[in-house]
């Protein structure tokens, strides 16, 4: 959720990072002291998480594009058409870059595929 509003409140990343670091440490304490270690299970893929991350990335691109354009025009001098055109152009360019990375970057690096 942080990435959806990164341009509106850039310090949210800092707060989220601090939260994640403290949560990692408290979870480690719980696993080491309070609970028994969970049994590891192998998984072939990320499963449903890949679709969830893809959806979040697309939503982040859409919301950040809209926020950047609407927050850029603070004086209200723009008409709606140039703003919508800027949102659509920025959104489509970023989605094209995202799909390009998804298409042309391999899921497993070739040099590591022999190790797996």
PDB file of N, CA and C in Angstrom:
ATOM      1  N   UNK A   1       0.814  -1.197   0.000  1.00  0.00           N
ATOM      2  CA  UNK A   1       0.000   0.000   0.000  1.00  0.00           C
ATOM      3  C   UNK A   1       0.858   1.262   0.000  1.00  0.00           C
ATOM      4  N   UNK A   2       2.077   1.165   0.488  1.00  0.00           N
ATOM      5  CA  UNK A   2       2.953   2.329   0.535  1.00  0.00           C
ATOM      6  C   UNK A   2       3.229   2.847  -0.862  1.00  0.00           C
ATOM      7  N   UNK A   3       3.438   1.930  -1.806  1.00  0.00           N
ATOM      8  CA  UNK A   3       3.819   2.359  -3.147  1.00  0.00           C
ATOM      9  C   UNK A   3       2.690   3.077  -3.870  1.00  0.00           C
ATOM     10  N   UNK A   4       1.448   2.915  -3.446  1.00  0.00           N
ATOM     11  CA  UNK A   4       0.339   3.579  -4.124  1.00  0.00           C
ATOM     12  C   UNK A   4       0.294   5.073  -3.837  1.00  0.00           C
ATOM     13  N   UNK A   5       0.830   5.503  -2.723  1.00  0.00           N
ATOM     14  CA  UNK A   5       0.768   6.911  -2.361  1.00  0.00           C
ATOM     15  C   UNK A   5       2.159   7.482  -2.089  1.00  0.00           C
ATOM     16  N   UNK A   6       3.155   6.960  -2.775  1.00  0.00           N
ATOM     17  CA  UNK A   6       4.533   7.385  -2.546  1.00  0.00           C
ATOM     18  C   UNK A   6       4.748   8.842  -2.913  1.00  0.00           C
ATOM     19  N   UNK A   7       4.113   9.318  -3.966  1.00  0.00           N
ATOM     20  CA  UNK A   7       4.332  10.706  -4.361  1.00  0.00           C
ATOM     21  C   UNK A   7       3.565  11.677  -3.465  1.00  0.00           C
ATOM     22  N   UNK A   8       2.512  11.250  -2.807  1.00  0.00           N
ATOM     23  CA  UNK A   8       1.757  12.136  -1.926  1.00  0.00           C
ATOM     24  C   UNK A   8       2.436  12.293  -0.565  1.00  0.00           C
ATOM     25  N   UNK A   9       3.069  11.241  -0.064  1.00  0.00           N
ATOM     26  CA  UNK A   9       3.738  11.290   1.237  1.00  0.00           C
ATOM     27  C   UNK A   9       5.010  10.459   1.167  1.00  0.00           C
ATOM     28  N   UNK A  10       6.120  11.057   0.694  1.00  0.00           N
ATOM     29  CA  UNK A  10       7.357  10.286   0.511  1.00  0.00           C
ATOM     30  C   UNK A  10       7.938   9.701   1.795  1.00  0.00           C
ATOM     31  N   UNK A  11       7.653  10.291   2.939  1.00  0.00           N
ATOM     32  CA  UNK A  11       8.196   9.767   4.192  1.00  0.00           C
ATOM     33  C   UNK A  11       7.511   8.484   4.647  1.00  0.00           C
ATOM     34  N   UNK A  12       6.447   8.105   3.981  1.00  0.00           N
ATOM     35  CA  UNK A  12       5.763   6.863   4.344  1.00  0.00           C
ATOM     36  C   UNK A  12       6.698   5.675   4.209  1.00  0.00           C
ATOM     37  N   UNK A  13       7.611   5.734   3.245  1.00  0.00           N
ATOM     38  CA  UNK A  13       8.585   4.655   3.086  1.00  0.00           C
ATOM     39  C   UNK A  13       9.447   4.515   4.331  1.00  0.00           C
ATOM     40  N   UNK A  14       9.864   5.623   4.914  1.00  0.00           N
ATOM     41  CA  UNK A  14      10.707   5.575   6.113  1.00  0.00           C
ATOM     42  C   UNK A  14       9.938   4.932   7.265  1.00  0.00           C
ATOM     43  N   UNK A  15       8.691   5.351   7.454  1.00  0.00           N
ATOM     44  CA  UNK A  15       7.882   4.771   8.523  1.00  0.00           C
ATOM     45  C   UNK A  15       7.633   3.285   8.287  1.00  0.00           C
ATOM     46  N   UNK A  16       7.386   2.916   7.043  1.00  0.00           N
ATOM     47  CA  UNK A  16       7.159   1.503   6.729  1.00  0.00           C
ATOM     48  C   UNK A  16       8.427   0.693   6.947  1.00  0.00           C
ATOM     49  N   UNK A  17       9.586   1.250   6.596  1.00  0.00           N
ATOM     50  CA  UNK A  17      10.847   0.537   6.797  1.00  0.00           C
ATOM     51  C   UNK A  17      11.118   0.327   8.286  1.00  0.00           C
ATOM     52  N   UNK A  18      10.882   1.358   9.091  1.00  0.00           N
ATOM     53  CA  UNK A  18      11.068   1.223  10.542  1.00  0.00           C
ATOM     54  C   UNK A  18      10.103   0.182  11.101  1.00  0.00           C
ATOM     55  N   UNK A  19       8.863   0.220  10.650  1.00  0.00           N
ATOM     56  CA  UNK A  19       7.880  -0.767  11.089  1.00  0.00           C
ATOM     57  C   UNK A  19       8.318  -2.175  10.706  1.00  0.00           C
ATOM     58  N   UNK A  20       8.778  -2.352   9.480  1.00  0.00           N
ATOM     59  CA  UNK A  20       9.190  -3.684   9.031  1.00  0.00           C
ATOM     60  C   UNK A  20      10.403  -4.190   9.801  1.00  0.00           C
ATOM     61  N   UNK A  21      11.360  -3.314  10.082  1.00  0.00           N
ATOM     62  CA  UNK A  21      12.539  -3.736  10.848  1.00  0.00           C
ATOM     63  C   UNK A  21      12.158  -4.169  12.263  1.00  0.00           C
ATOM     64  N   UNK A  22      11.294  -3.394  12.912  1.00  0.00           N
ATOM     65  CA  UNK A  22      10.883  -3.796  14.261  1.00  0.00           C
ATOM     66  C   UNK A  22      10.042  -5.069  14.225  1.00  0.00           C
ATOM     67  N   UNK A  23       9.222  -5.219  13.194  1.00  0.00           N
ATOM     68  CA  UNK A  23       8.413  -6.434  13.097  1.00  0.00           C
ATOM     69  C   UNK A  23       9.279  -7.662  12.842  1.00  0.00           C
ATOM     70  N   UNK A  24      10.317  -7.516  12.039  1.00  0.00           N
ATOM     71  CA  UNK A  24      11.233  -8.639  11.797  1.00  0.00           C
ATOM     72  C   UNK A  24      11.903  -9.059  13.101  1.00  0.00           C
ATOM     73  N   UNK A  25      12.347  -8.090  13.886  1.00  0.00           N
ATOM     74  CA  UNK A  25      13.023  -8.408  15.147  1.00  0.00           C
ATOM     75  C   UNK A  25      12.067  -9.035  16.157  1.00  0.00           C
ATOM     76  N   UNK A  26      10.861  -8.508  16.258  1.00  0.00           N
ATOM     77  CA  UNK A  26       9.922  -9.098  17.215  1.00  0.00           C
ATOM     78  C   UNK A  26       9.474 -10.488  16.764  1.00  0.00           C
ATOM     79  N   UNK A  27       9.319 -10.684  15.449  1.00  0.00           N
ATOM     80  CA  UNK A  27       8.977 -12.027  14.961  1.00  0.00           C
ATOM     81  C   UNK A  27      10.117 -13.009  15.209  1.00  0.00           C
ATOM     82  N   UNK A  28      11.358 -12.547  15.047  1.00  0.00           N
ATOM     83  CA  UNK A  28      12.502 -13.416  15.333  1.00  0.00           C
ATOM     84  C   UNK A  28      12.527 -13.789  16.810  1.00  0.00           C
ATOM     85  N   UNK A  29      12.250 -12.836  17.672  1.00  0.00           N
ATOM     86  CA  UNK A  29      12.200 -13.120  19.109  1.00  0.00           C
ATOM     87  C   UNK A  29      11.100 -14.132  19.422  1.00  0.00           C
ATOM     88  N   UNK A  30       9.944 -13.961  18.798  1.00  0.00           N
ATOM     89  CA  UNK A  30       8.855 -14.916  19.017  1.00  0.00           C
ATOM     90  C   UNK A  30       9.246 -16.315  18.554  1.00  0.00           C
ATOM     91  N   UNK A  31       9.891 -16.405  17.385  1.00  0.00           N
ATOM     92  CA  UNK A  31      10.264 -17.725  16.877  1.00  0.00           C
ATOM     93  C   UNK A  31      11.356 -18.377  17.714  1.00  0.00           C
ATOM     94  N   UNK A  32      12.288 -17.582  18.222  1.00  0.00           N
ATOM     95  CA  UNK A  32      13.398 -18.146  18.984  1.00  0.00           C
ATOM     96  C   UNK A  32      13.029 -18.464  20.426  1.00  0.00           C
ATOM     97  N   UNK A  33      12.189 -17.657  21.023  1.00  0.00           N
ATOM     98  CA  UNK A  33      11.930 -17.787  22.449  1.00  0.00           C
ATOM     99  C   UNK A  33      10.555 -18.393  22.736  1.00  0.00           C
ATOM    100  N   UNK A  34       9.539 -17.924  22.066  1.00  0.00           N
ATOM    101  CA  UNK A  34       8.181 -18.274  22.444  1.00  0.00           C
ATOM    102  C   UNK A  34       7.669 -19.519  21.727  1.00  0.00           C
ATOM    103  N   UNK A  35       7.832 -19.569  20.411  1.00  0.00           N
ATOM    104  CA  UNK A  35       7.235 -20.646  19.632  1.00  0.00           C
ATOM    105  C   UNK A  35       8.286 -21.598  19.086  1.00  0.00           C
ATOM    106  N   UNK A  36       7.802 -22.751  18.651  1.00  0.00           N
ATOM    107  CA  UNK A  36       8.658 -23.715  17.977  1.00  0.00           C
ATOM    108  C   UNK A  36       8.847 -23.272  16.525  1.00  0.00           C
ATOM    109  N   UNK A  37       9.996 -23.581  15.977  1.00  0.00           N
ATOM    110  CA  UNK A  37      10.297 -23.216  14.598  1.00  0.00           C
ATOM    111  C   UNK A  37       9.348 -23.944  13.647  1.00  0.00           C
ATOM    112  N   UNK A  38       8.786 -23.219  12.657  1.00  0.00           N
ATOM    113  CA  UNK A  38       7.884 -23.889  11.714  1.00  0.00           C
ATOM    114  C   UNK A  38       8.652 -24.835  10.800  1.00  0.00           C
ATOM    115  N   UNK A  39       7.973 -25.870  10.369  1.00  0.00           N
ATOM    116  CA  UNK A  39       8.586 -26.848   9.477  1.00  0.00           C
ATOM    117  C   UNK A  39       8.655 -26.245   8.078  1.00  0.00           C
ATOM    118  N   UNK A  40       9.846 -26.178   7.477  1.00  0.00           N
ATOM    119  CA  UNK A  40       9.944 -25.596   6.132  1.00  0.00           C
ATOM    120  C   UNK A  40       9.345 -26.518   5.081  1.00  0.00           C
ATOM    121  N   UNK A  41       8.646 -25.914   4.139  1.00  0.00           N
ATOM    122  CA  UNK A  41       8.059 -26.654   3.029  1.00  0.00           C
ATOM    123  C   UNK A  41       8.507 -26.010   1.730  1.00  0.00           C
ATOM    124  N   UNK A  42       8.928 -26.823   0.794  1.00  0.00           N
ATOM    125  CA  UNK A  42       9.373 -26.312  -0.502  1.00  0.00           C
ATOM    126  C   UNK A  42       8.171 -25.923  -1.347  1.00  0.00           C
ATOM    127  N   UNK A  43       8.354 -24.884  -2.126  1.00  0.00           N
ATOM    128  CA  UNK A  43       7.313 -24.448  -3.050  1.00  0.00           C
ATOM    129  C   UNK A  43       7.943 -24.240  -4.418  1.00  0.00           C
ATOM    130  N   UNK A  44       7.241 -24.661  -5.448  1.00  0.00           N
ATOM    131  CA  UNK A  44       7.774 -24.535  -6.807  1.00  0.00           C
ATOM    132  C   UNK A  44       7.670 -23.107  -7.317  1.00  0.00           C
ATOM    133  N   UNK A  45       6.584 -22.428  -6.982  1.00  0.00           N
ATOM    134  CA  UNK A  45       6.380 -21.061  -7.454  1.00  0.00           C
ATOM    135  C   UNK A  45       5.855 -20.202  -6.317  1.00  0.00           C
ATOM    136  N   UNK A  46       5.638 -18.941  -6.634  1.00  0.00           N
ATOM    137  CA  UNK A  46       5.060 -18.029  -5.654  1.00  0.00           C
ATOM    138  C   UNK A  46       3.559 -18.224  -5.524  1.00  0.00           C
ATOM    139  N   UNK A  47       2.972 -18.950  -6.449  1.00  0.00           N
ATOM    140  CA  UNK A  47       1.547 -19.233  -6.386  1.00  0.00           C
ATOM    141  C   UNK A  47       0.707 -17.996  -6.619  1.00  0.00           C
ATOM    142  N   UNK A  48      -0.276 -17.804  -5.768  1.00  0.00           N
ATOM    143  CA  UNK A  48      -1.208 -16.684  -5.924  1.00  0.00           C
ATOM    144  C   UNK A  48      -0.561 -15.342  -5.624  1.00  0.00           C
ATOM    145  N   UNK A  49       0.551 -15.345  -4.906  1.00  0.00           N
ATOM    146  CA  UNK A  49       1.202 -14.085  -4.561  1.00  0.00           C
ATOM    147  C   UNK A  49       1.686 -13.328  -5.788  1.00  0.00           C
ATOM    148  N   UNK A  50       2.085 -14.036  -6.828  1.00  0.00           N
ATOM    149  CA  UNK A  50       2.548 -13.364  -8.041  1.00  0.00           C
ATOM    150  C   UNK A  50       1.424 -12.526  -8.645  1.00  0.00           C
ATOM    151  N   UNK A  51       0.224 -13.066  -8.710  1.00  0.00           N
ATOM    152  CA  UNK A  51      -0.914 -12.304  -9.234  1.00  0.00           C
ATOM    153  C   UNK A  51      -1.253 -11.116  -8.342  1.00  0.00           C
ATOM    154  N   UNK A  52      -1.141 -11.297  -7.041  1.00  0.00           N
ATOM    155  CA  UNK A  52      -1.425 -10.203  -6.116  1.00  0.00           C
ATOM    156  C   UNK A  52      -0.412  -9.084  -6.295  1.00  0.00           C
ATOM    157  N   UNK A  53       0.875  -9.423  -6.404  1.00  0.00           N
ATOM    158  CA  UNK A  53       1.907  -8.406  -6.611  1.00  0.00           C
ATOM    159  C   UNK A  53       1.734  -7.702  -7.952  1.00  0.00           C
ATOM    160  N   UNK A  54       1.383  -8.436  -8.999  1.00  0.00           N
ATOM    161  CA  UNK A  54       1.155  -7.822 -10.311  1.00  0.00           C
ATOM    162  C   UNK A  54       0.002  -6.813 -10.228  1.00  0.00           C
ATOM    163  N   UNK A  55      -1.065  -7.179  -9.536  1.00  0.00           N
ATOM    164  CA  UNK A  55      -2.204  -6.274  -9.377  1.00  0.00           C
ATOM    165  C   UNK A  55      -1.805  -5.029  -8.593  1.00  0.00           C
ATOM    166  N   UNK A  56      -1.051  -5.202  -7.510  1.00  0.00           N
ATOM    167  CA  UNK A  56      -0.617  -4.051  -6.714  1.00  0.00           C
ATOM    168  C   UNK A  56       0.289  -3.128  -7.510  1.00  0.00           C
ATOM    169  N   UNK A  57       1.151  -3.688  -8.345  1.00  0.00           N
ATOM    170  CA  UNK A  57       2.031  -2.864  -9.173  1.00  0.00           C
ATOM    171  C   UNK A  57       1.210  -2.041 -10.159  1.00  0.00           C
ATOM    172  N   UNK A  58       0.232  -2.656 -10.800  1.00  0.00           N
ATOM    173  CA  UNK A  58      -0.598  -1.912 -11.753  1.00  0.00           C
ATOM    174  C   UNK A  58      -1.415  -0.827 -11.050  1.00  0.00           C
ATOM    175  N   UNK A  59      -1.939  -1.124  -9.870  1.00  0.00           N
ATOM    176  CA  UNK A  59      -2.689  -0.113  -9.124  1.00  0.00           C
ATOM    177  C   UNK A  59      -1.779   1.028  -8.672  1.00  0.00           C
ATOM    178  N   UNK A  60      -0.546   0.702  -8.297  1.00  0.00           N
ATOM    179  CA  UNK A  60       0.399   1.738  -7.887  1.00  0.00           C
ATOM    180  C   UNK A  60       0.740   2.651  -9.052  1.00  0.00           C
ATOM    181  N   UNK A  61       0.908   2.086 -10.236  1.00  0.00           N
ATOM    182  CA  UNK A  61       1.191   2.903 -11.416  1.00  0.00           C
ATOM    183  C   UNK A  61       0.020   3.842 -11.690  1.00  0.00           C
ATOM    184  N   UNK A  62      -1.185   3.336 -11.622  1.00  0.00           N
ATOM    185  CA  UNK A  62      -2.374   4.162 -11.899  1.00  0.00           C
ATOM    186  C   UNK A  62      -2.538   5.272 -10.862  1.00  0.00           C
ATOM    187  N   UNK A  63      -2.461   4.933  -9.586  1.00  0.00           N
ATOM    188  CA  UNK A  63      -2.688   5.945  -8.549  1.00  0.00           C
ATOM    189  C   UNK A  63      -1.568   6.974  -8.507  1.00  0.00           C
ATOM    190  N   UNK A  64      -0.308   6.544  -8.660  1.00  0.00           N
ATOM    191  CA  UNK A  64       0.785   7.511  -8.641  1.00  0.00           C
ATOM    192  C   UNK A  64       0.749   8.423  -9.854  1.00  0.00           C
ATOM    193  N   UNK A  65       0.361   7.916 -11.009  1.00  0.00           N
ATOM    194  CA  UNK A  65       0.229   8.772 -12.194  1.00  0.00           C
ATOM    195  C   UNK A  65      -0.841   9.834 -11.964  1.00  0.00           C
ATOM    196  N   UNK A  66      -1.983   9.419 -11.458  1.00  0.00           N
ATOM    197  CA  UNK A  66      -3.062  10.376 -11.204  1.00  0.00           C
ATOM    198  C   UNK A  66      -2.667  11.389 -10.132  1.00  0.00           C
ATOM    199  N   UNK A  67      -2.043  10.928  -9.059  1.00  0.00           N
ATOM    200  CA  UNK A  67      -1.639  11.850  -7.994  1.00  0.00           C
ATOM    201  C   UNK A  67      -0.597  12.848  -8.472  1.00  0.00           C
ATOM    202  N   UNK A  68       0.372  12.392  -9.257  1.00  0.00           N
ATOM    203  CA  UNK A  68       1.397  13.310  -9.749  1.00  0.00           C
ATOM    204  C   UNK A  68       0.798  14.397 -10.624  1.00  0.00           C
ATOM    205  N   UNK A  69      -0.107  14.038 -11.504  1.00  0.00           N
ATOM    206  CA  UNK A  69      -0.696  15.041 -12.395  1.00  0.00           C
ATOM    207  C   UNK A  69      -1.606  15.982 -11.620  1.00  0.00           C
ATOM    208  N   UNK A  70      -2.447  15.456 -10.745  1.00  0.00           N
ATOM    209  CA  UNK A  70      -3.369  16.320 -10.022  1.00  0.00           C
ATOM    210  C   UNK A  70      -2.657  17.188  -8.990  1.00  0.00           C
ATOM    211  N   UNK A  71      -1.607  16.699  -8.378  1.00  0.00           N
ATOM    212  CA  UNK A  71      -0.877  17.512  -7.408  1.00  0.00           C
ATOM    213  C   UNK A  71       0.052  18.511  -8.076  1.00  0.00           C
ATOM    214  N   UNK A  72       0.415  18.270  -9.339  1.00  0.00           N
ATOM    215  CA  UNK A  72       1.285  19.199 -10.063  1.00  0.00           C
ATOM    216  C   UNK A  72       0.543  20.496 -10.369  1.00  0.00           C
ATOM    217  N   UNK A  73      -0.744  20.421 -10.630  1.00  0.00           N
ATOM    218  CA  UNK A  73      -1.557  21.593 -10.960  1.00  0.00           C
ATOM    219  C   UNK A  73      -2.210  22.129  -9.688  1.00  0.00           C
ATOM    220  N   UNK A  74      -1.411  22.766  -8.843  1.00  0.00           N
ATOM    221  CA  UNK A  74      -1.939  23.264  -7.578  1.00  0.00           C
ATOM    222  C   UNK A  74      -2.728  24.561  -7.747  1.00  0.00           C
ATOM    223  N   UNK A  75      -2.437  25.313  -8.803  1.00  0.00           N
ATOM    224  CA  UNK A  75      -3.136  26.576  -9.004  1.00  0.00           C
ATOM    225  C   UNK A  75      -4.461  26.397  -9.721  1.00  0.00           C
ATOM    226  N   UNK A  76      -4.715  25.226 -10.274  1.00  0.00           N
ATOM    227  CA  UNK A  76      -5.971  24.958 -10.954  1.00  0.00           C
ATOM    228  C   UNK A  76      -6.088  25.608 -12.317  1.00  0.00           C
ATOM    229  N   UNK A  77      -4.965  25.833 -12.988  1.00  0.00           N
ATOM    230  CA  UNK A  77      -4.988  26.492 -14.290  1.00  0.00           C
ATOM    231  C   UNK A  77      -5.245  25.524 -15.434  1.00  0.00           C
ATOM    232  N   UNK A  78      -5.016  24.253 -15.218  1.00  0.00           N
ATOM    233  CA  UNK A  78      -5.214  23.275 -16.292  1.00  0.00           C
ATOM    234  C   UNK A  78      -6.690  22.984 -16.473  1.00  0.00           C
ATOM    235  N   UNK A  79      -7.042  22.711 -17.707  1.00  0.00           N
ATOM    236  CA  UNK A  79      -8.365  22.159 -17.959  1.00  0.00           C
ATOM    237  C   UNK A  79      -8.273  20.656 -17.736  1.00  0.00           C
ATOM    238  N   UNK A  80      -9.399  19.998 -17.752  1.00  0.00           N
ATOM    239  CA  UNK A  80      -9.403  18.564 -17.434  1.00  0.00           C
ATOM    240  C   UNK A  80      -8.781  17.726 -18.540  1.00  0.00           C
ATOM    241  N   UNK A  81      -8.920  18.149 -19.800  1.00  0.00           N
ATOM    242  CA  UNK A  81      -8.434  17.327 -20.909  1.00  0.00           C
ATOM    243  C   UNK A  81      -6.921  17.137 -20.893  1.00  0.00           C
ATOM    244  N   UNK A  82      -6.115  18.208 -20.733  1.00  0.00           N
ATOM    245  CA  UNK A  82      -4.659  17.970 -20.692  1.00  0.00           C
ATOM    246  C   UNK A  82      -4.231  17.128 -19.492  1.00  0.00           C
ATOM    247  N   UNK A  83      -4.926  17.291 -18.374  1.00  0.00           N
ATOM    248  CA  UNK A  83      -4.604  16.485 -17.198  1.00  0.00           C
ATOM    249  C   UNK A  83      -4.884  15.011 -17.425  1.00  0.00           C
ATOM    250  N   UNK A  84      -6.046  14.718 -18.013  1.00  0.00           N
ATOM    251  CA  UNK A  84      -6.370  13.318 -18.311  1.00  0.00           C
ATOM    252  C   UNK A  84      -5.425  12.743 -19.351  1.00  0.00           C
ATOM    253  N   UNK A  85      -5.066  13.569 -20.341  1.00  0.00           N
ATOM    254  CA  UNK A  85      -4.113  13.099 -21.353  1.00  0.00           C
ATOM    255  C   UNK A  85      -2.763  12.805 -20.716  1.00  0.00           C
ATOM    256  N   UNK A  86      -2.316  13.659 -19.801  1.00  0.00           N
ATOM    257  CA  UNK A  86      -1.033  13.423 -19.129  1.00  0.00           C
ATOM    258  C   UNK A  86      -1.086  12.160 -18.282  1.00  0.00           C
ATOM    259  N   UNK A  87      -2.201  11.948 -17.591  1.00  0.00           N
ATOM    260  CA  UNK A  87      -2.349  10.732 -16.781  1.00  0.00           C
ATOM    261  C   UNK A  87      -2.297   9.499 -17.665  1.00  0.00           C
ATOM    262  N   UNK A  88      -3.054   9.516 -18.757  1.00  0.00           N
ATOM    263  CA  UNK A  88      -3.097   8.351 -19.641  1.00  0.00           C
ATOM    264  C   UNK A  88      -1.753   8.076 -20.300  1.00  0.00           C
ATOM    265  N   UNK A  89      -1.073   9.134 -20.743  1.00  0.00           N
ATOM    266  CA  UNK A  89       0.238   8.935 -21.375  1.00  0.00           C
ATOM    267  C   UNK A  89       1.233   8.379 -20.369  1.00  0.00           C
ATOM    268  N   UNK A  90       1.301   8.992 -19.179  1.00  0.00           N
ATOM    269  CA  UNK A  90       2.242   8.522 -18.161  1.00  0.00           C
ATOM    270  C   UNK A  90       1.916   7.093 -17.739  1.00  0.00           C
ATOM    271  N   UNK A  91       0.646   6.809 -17.547  1.00  0.00           N
ATOM    272  CA  UNK A  91       0.234   5.472 -17.129  1.00  0.00           C
ATOM    273  C   UNK A  91       0.587   4.436 -18.191  1.00  0.00           C
ATOM    274  N   UNK A  92       0.310   4.741 -19.449  1.00  0.00           N
ATOM    275  CA  UNK A  92       0.588   3.780 -20.511  1.00  0.00           C
ATOM    276  C   UNK A  92       2.088   3.567 -20.706  1.00  0.00           C
ATOM    277  N   UNK A  93       2.880   4.622 -20.587  1.00  0.00           N
ATOM    278  CA  UNK A  93       4.337   4.465 -20.709  1.00  0.00           C
ATOM    279  C   UNK A  93       4.867   3.590 -19.577  1.00  0.00           C
ATOM    280  N   UNK A  94       4.420   3.847 -18.352  1.00  0.00           N
ATOM    281  CA  UNK A  94       4.893   3.050 -17.218  1.00  0.00           C
ATOM    282  C   UNK A  94       4.410   1.606 -17.294  1.00  0.00           C
ATOM    283  N   UNK A  95       3.173   1.399 -17.744  1.00  0.00           N
ATOM    284  CA  UNK A  95       2.690   0.028 -17.910  1.00  0.00           C
ATOM    285  C   UNK A  95       3.449  -0.696 -19.015  1.00  0.00           C
ATOM    286  N   UNK A  96       3.806   0.022 -20.080  1.00  0.00           N
ATOM    287  CA  UNK A  96       4.610  -0.578 -21.146  1.00  0.00           C
ATOM    288  C   UNK A  96       5.982  -0.990 -20.621  1.00  0.00           C
ATOM    289  N   UNK A  97       6.599  -0.145 -19.803  1.00  0.00           N
ATOM    290  CA  UNK A  97       7.893  -0.490 -19.196  1.00  0.00           C
ATOM    291  C   UNK A  97       7.738  -1.701 -18.277  1.00  0.00           C
ATOM    292  N   UNK A  98       6.675  -1.720 -17.479  1.00  0.00           N
ATOM    293  CA  UNK A  98       6.441  -2.844 -16.568  1.00  0.00           C
ATOM    294  C   UNK A  98       6.252  -4.145 -17.332  1.00  0.00           C
ATOM    295  N   UNK A  99       5.427  -4.121 -18.380  1.00  0.00           N
ATOM    296  CA  UNK A  99       5.209  -5.338 -19.166  1.00  0.00           C
ATOM    297  C   UNK A  99       6.464  -5.729 -19.935  1.00  0.00           C
ATOM    298  N   UNK A 100       7.266  -4.746 -20.334  1.00  0.00           N
ATOM    299  CA  UNK A 100       8.539  -5.056 -20.985  1.00  0.00           C
ATOM    300  C   UNK A 100       9.475  -5.794 -20.046  1.00  0.00           C
ATOM    301  N   UNK A 101       9.570  -5.312 -18.805  1.00  0.00           N
ATOM    302  CA  UNK A 101      10.399  -6.014 -17.824  1.00  0.00           C
ATOM    303  C   UNK A 101       9.857  -7.411 -17.545  1.00  0.00           C
ATOM    304  N   UNK A 102       8.536  -7.526 -17.430  1.00  0.00           N
ATOM    305  CA  UNK A 102       7.943  -8.841 -17.169  1.00  0.00           C
ATOM    306  C   UNK A 102       8.202  -9.810 -18.311  1.00  0.00           C
ATOM    307  N   UNK A 103       8.225  -9.293 -19.514  1.00  0.00           N
ATOM    308  CA  UNK A 103       8.374 -10.152 -20.696  1.00  0.00           C
ATOM    309  C   UNK A 103       9.832 -10.526 -20.962  1.00  0.00           C
ATOM    310  N   UNK A 104      10.749  -9.561 -20.839  1.00  0.00           N
ATOM    311  CA  UNK A 104      12.111  -9.776 -21.311  1.00  0.00           C
ATOM    312  C   UNK A 104      13.124 -10.110 -20.220  1.00  0.00           C
ATOM    313  N   UNK A 105      12.786  -9.922 -18.962  1.00  0.00           N
ATOM    314  CA  UNK A 105      13.695 -10.302 -17.880  1.00  0.00           C
ATOM    315  C   UNK A 105      13.338 -11.724 -17.461  1.00  0.00           C
ATOM    316  N   UNK A 106      14.296 -12.640 -17.511  1.00  0.00           N
ATOM    317  CA  UNK A 106      13.973 -14.033 -17.170  1.00  0.00           C
ATOM    318  C   UNK A 106      13.659 -14.180 -15.682  1.00  0.00           C
ATOM    319  N   UNK A 107      12.801 -15.158 -15.379  1.00  0.00           N
ATOM    320  CA  UNK A 107      12.445 -15.401 -13.981  1.00  0.00           C
ATOM    321  C   UNK A 107      13.607 -16.007 -13.212  1.00  0.00           C
ATOM    322  N   UNK A 108      14.402 -16.843 -13.879  1.00  0.00           N
ATOM    323  CA  UNK A 108      15.575 -17.457 -13.271  1.00  0.00           C
ATOM    324  C   UNK A 108      16.781 -17.048 -14.092  1.00  0.00           C
ATOM    325  N   UNK A 109      17.793 -16.525 -13.430  1.00  0.00           N
ATOM    326  CA  UNK A 109      19.014 -16.135 -14.126  1.00  0.00           C
ATOM    327  C   UNK A 109      19.671 -17.388 -14.686  1.00  0.00           C
ATOM    328  N   UNK A 110      20.146 -17.285 -15.921  1.00  0.00           N
ATOM    329  CA  UNK A 110      20.670 -18.460 -16.623  1.00  0.00           C
ATOM    330  C   UNK A 110      21.832 -19.098 -15.863  1.00  0.00           C
ATOM    331  N   UNK A 111      22.712 -18.292 -15.281  1.00  0.00           N
ATOM    332  CA  UNK A 111      23.863 -18.856 -14.572  1.00  0.00           C
ATOM    333  C   UNK A 111      23.442 -19.589 -13.294  1.00  0.00           C
ATOM    334  N   UNK A 112      22.290 -19.225 -12.727  1.00  0.00           N
ATOM    335  CA  UNK A 112      21.817 -19.886 -11.520  1.00  0.00           C
ATOM    336  C   UNK A 112      20.886 -21.055 -11.806  1.00  0.00           C
ATOM    337  N   UNK A 113      20.414 -21.179 -13.029  1.00  0.00           N
ATOM    338  CA  UNK A 113      19.454 -22.239 -13.329  1.00  0.00           C
ATOM    339  C   UNK A 113      20.070 -23.625 -13.187  1.00  0.00           C
ATOM    340  N   UNK A 114      21.384 -23.744 -13.397  1.00  0.00           N
ATOM    341  CA  UNK A 114      22.023 -25.051 -13.235  1.00  0.00           C
ATOM    342  C   UNK A 114      22.167 -25.433 -11.762  1.00  0.00           C
ATOM    343  N   UNK A 115      22.157 -24.455 -10.872  1.00  0.00           N
ATOM    344  CA  UNK A 115      22.303 -24.728  -9.443  1.00  0.00           C
ATOM    345  C   UNK A 115      20.996 -25.186  -8.808  1.00  0.00           C
ATOM    346  N   UNK A 116      19.897 -24.852  -9.433  1.00  0.00           N
ATOM    347  CA  UNK A 116      18.591 -25.170  -8.835  1.00  0.00           C
ATOM    348  C   UNK A 116      18.200 -26.594  -9.096  1.00  0.00           C
TER     349      UNK A 116
END
